[in-house]
């Protein structure tokens, strides 16, 4: 059950050792010692990713979050699992309005362009989080300026996306 969760989070399970532990006076326990690496082969920044990765894994295992390829955004961007749920929700909304791309293609594209996905989440927070930077919603400085800055970063990043389909997603 845990291996597909880890794979959807962007890991590859290299090795697993299982130990049967029989504590006196308690139920038997199985301990799974797993060696994992990022599926991309890149290093993992555990200093900044440990907490979001643990929270995502536990949320999926406790059925509070879905187990799909969007969860790899936690590894690649450091986004919390709840922000990944925002991306998942937007993607599902796009399917409802008949965008022709499958969920698998959308999460694969967002994983490929993870920094843009993180910027979309930042824009979402800038627009809708009452505690986001700025405080002003009038578009003249404050929140409006912050949103414009994020939009400009997104537009610049989209200029580097080669595929028209990926650009649309």
Protein backbone atom coordinates (compact mmCIF):
# COMPACT_ATOMS: atom_id res chain seq x y z
CA UNK A 1 0.00 0.00 0.00
CA UNK A 2 2.80 2.43 0.82
CA UNK A 3 4.94 1.85 -2.31
CA UNK A 4 2.39 3.34 -4.77
CA UNK A 5 2.02 6.33 -2.42
CA UNK A 6 5.77 6.90 -2.47
CA UNK A 7 5.92 6.45 -6.25
CA UNK A 8 3.15 9.02 -6.75
CA UNK A 9 5.13 11.37 -4.53
CA UNK A 10 8.02 11.19 -7.01
CA UNK A 11 10.13 8.50 -5.34
CA UNK A 12 11.47 5.17 -6.48
CA UNK A 13 11.74 2.35 -3.95
CA UNK A 14 15.21 0.85 -4.29
CA UNK A 15 15.19 -1.69 -1.46
CA UNK A 16 12.98 -2.84 1.38
CA UNK A 17 13.75 -4.87 4.46
CA UNK A 18 10.89 -6.05 6.64
CA UNK A 19 11.27 -6.93 10.30
CA UNK A 20 8.73 -8.71 12.47
CA UNK A 21 8.79 -7.31 16.00
CA UNK A 22 7.00 -9.03 18.89
CA UNK A 23 6.81 -6.60 21.82
CA UNK A 24 6.00 -8.35 25.09
CA UNK A 25 2.39 -7.72 26.05
CA UNK A 26 1.52 -5.98 22.76
CA UNK A 27 0.35 -6.91 19.30
CA UNK A 28 2.92 -7.88 16.70
CA UNK A 29 4.45 -5.04 14.72
CA UNK A 30 5.94 -5.09 11.22
CA UNK A 31 8.76 -2.61 10.59
CA UNK A 32 9.51 -1.76 6.95
CA UNK A 33 12.92 -0.21 6.35
CA UNK A 34 12.89 1.23 2.83
CA UNK A 35 15.61 2.80 0.73
CA UNK A 36 14.15 5.38 -1.62
CA UNK A 37 15.46 7.91 -4.11
CA UNK A 38 13.83 10.53 -6.27
CA UNK A 39 12.44 9.03 -9.47
CA UNK A 40 14.21 11.76 -11.44
CA UNK A 41 17.56 10.81 -9.93
CA UNK A 42 18.03 14.32 -8.53
CA UNK A 43 18.98 14.96 -4.94
CA UNK A 44 16.31 15.48 -2.31
CA UNK A 45 16.45 18.67 -0.23
CA UNK A 46 15.34 17.08 3.03
CA UNK A 47 16.20 20.21 5.00
CA UNK A 48 13.27 22.03 3.34
CA UNK A 49 11.12 19.10 2.17
CA UNK A 50 11.01 16.76 5.18
CA UNK A 51 7.89 18.20 6.85
CA UNK A 52 5.77 18.62 3.68
CA UNK A 53 6.76 15.13 2.49
CA UNK A 54 5.89 13.52 5.81
CA UNK A 55 2.61 15.42 6.00
CA UNK A 56 1.67 14.39 2.45
CA UNK A 57 2.51 10.74 3.06
CA UNK A 58 0.48 10.66 6.29
CA UNK A 59 -2.44 12.52 4.69
CA UNK A 60 -2.61 9.98 1.86
CA UNK A 61 -2.24 7.00 4.19
CA UNK A 62 -4.98 8.41 6.44
CA UNK A 63 -7.21 8.99 3.39
CA UNK A 64 -7.24 12.77 3.91
CA UNK A 65 -5.54 13.33 0.53
CA UNK A 66 -5.70 11.55 -2.80
CA UNK A 67 -2.97 9.24 -4.05
CA UNK A 68 -2.04 10.42 -7.53
CA UNK A 69 0.79 11.97 -9.49
CA UNK A 70 0.00 15.50 -8.31
CA UNK A 71 1.62 14.58 -4.99
CA UNK A 72 5.07 14.67 -6.62
CA UNK A 73 4.73 18.46 -6.53
CA UNK A 74 5.44 18.23 -2.81
CA UNK A 75 8.87 16.77 -3.59
CA UNK A 76 9.70 19.04 -6.52
CA UNK A 77 8.41 22.33 -5.12
CA UNK A 78 8.00 21.87 -1.37
CA UNK A 79 4.32 22.77 -1.61
CA UNK A 80 2.21 21.47 1.29
CA UNK A 81 -0.22 18.69 0.36
CA UNK A 82 -3.18 21.06 0.80
CA UNK A 83 -1.75 23.37 -1.89
CA UNK A 84 -1.32 20.35 -4.13
CA UNK A 85 -5.03 19.69 -3.52
CA UNK A 86 -5.72 23.19 -4.90
CA UNK A 87 -3.82 22.30 -8.10
CA UNK A 88 -5.71 18.99 -8.32
CA UNK A 89 -9.02 20.84 -7.89
CA UNK A 90 -8.19 23.35 -10.61
CA UNK A 91 -7.23 20.49 -12.93
CA UNK A 92 -10.53 18.73 -12.26
CA UNK A 93 -12.40 21.94 -12.88
CA UNK A 94 -10.65 22.21 -16.25
CA UNK A 95 -11.88 18.69 -17.10
CA UNK A 96 -15.45 19.73 -16.19
CA UNK A 97 -15.28 22.58 -18.66
CA UNK A 98 -14.14 20.10 -21.29
CA UNK A 99 -10.43 20.79 -21.51
CA UNK A 100 -9.26 17.85 -23.63
CA UNK A 101 -6.38 16.73 -21.43
CA UNK A 102 -6.56 13.75 -19.08
CA UNK A 103 -5.73 14.07 -15.39
CA UNK A 104 -2.62 11.93 -15.94
CA UNK A 105 -1.39 14.23 -18.71
CA UNK A 106 -2.10 17.31 -16.60
CA UNK A 107 -0.21 16.04 -13.54
CA UNK A 108 2.67 14.86 -15.74
CA UNK A 109 2.84 18.33 -17.30
CA UNK A 110 2.65 20.10 -13.95
CA UNK A 111 5.40 17.86 -12.59
CA UNK A 112 7.52 18.74 -15.62
CA UNK A 113 6.89 22.46 -15.01
CA UNK A 114 6.68 22.32 -11.22
CA UNK A 115 7.89 25.87 -10.60
CA UNK A 116 5.04 27.25 -12.71
CA UNK A 117 2.59 25.14 -10.70
CA UNK A 118 4.06 26.61 -7.51
CA UNK A 119 3.61 30.11 -8.94
CA UNK A 120 -0.05 29.35 -9.73
CA UNK A 121 -0.51 28.38 -6.09
CA UNK A 122 1.24 31.59 -5.01
CA UNK A 123 -1.15 33.56 -7.22
CA UNK A 124 -4.12 31.70 -5.71
CA UNK A 125 -2.95 32.67 -2.21
CA UNK A 126 -2.24 36.26 -3.25
CA UNK A 127 -5.79 36.59 -4.56
CA UNK A 128 -7.77 34.70 -1.95
CA UNK A 129 -5.79 34.46 1.30
CA UNK A 130 -6.69 37.41 3.56
CA UNK A 131 -3.27 37.06 5.22
CA UNK A 132 -1.25 37.23 2.00
CA UNK A 133 1.37 39.98 1.56
CA UNK A 134 0.20 43.48 0.72
CA UNK A 135 -3.09 43.84 2.47
CA UNK A 136 -4.55 46.17 -0.16
CA UNK A 137 -6.98 44.75 -2.71
CA UNK A 138 -7.42 47.87 -4.81
CA UNK A 139 -4.77 46.93 -7.37
CA UNK A 140 -2.65 50.03 -6.57
CA UNK A 141 0.18 48.50 -4.63
CA UNK A 142 -0.10 45.95 -1.90
CA UNK A 143 -2.03 42.85 -2.90
CA UNK A 144 -2.65 44.02 -6.48
CA UNK A 145 1.04 44.68 -7.06
CA UNK A 146 1.94 41.32 -5.56
CA UNK A 147 -0.51 39.56 -7.91
CA UNK A 148 0.85 41.45 -10.91
CA UNK A 149 4.39 40.43 -9.96
CA UNK A 150 3.41 36.75 -9.73
CA UNK A 151 1.50 36.95 -13.04
CA UNK A 152 4.57 38.45 -14.72
CA UNK A 153 6.72 35.59 -13.36
CA UNK A 154 4.20 33.05 -14.67
CA UNK A 155 4.14 34.70 -18.11
CA UNK A 156 7.93 34.72 -18.26
CA UNK A 157 8.10 31.04 -17.26
CA UNK A 158 5.42 30.10 -19.81
CA UNK A 159 7.53 31.65 -22.56
CA UNK A 160 10.02 28.85 -21.93
CA UNK A 161 7.45 26.07 -22.36
CA UNK A 162 7.92 24.52 -25.81
CA UNK A 163 4.74 22.49 -26.13
CA UNK A 164 1.52 24.37 -26.85
CA UNK A 165 -0.50 21.73 -24.96
CA UNK A 166 1.75 22.07 -21.93
CA UNK A 167 1.55 25.86 -22.17
CA UNK A 168 -2.26 25.65 -22.10
CA UNK A 169 -2.25 23.37 -19.08
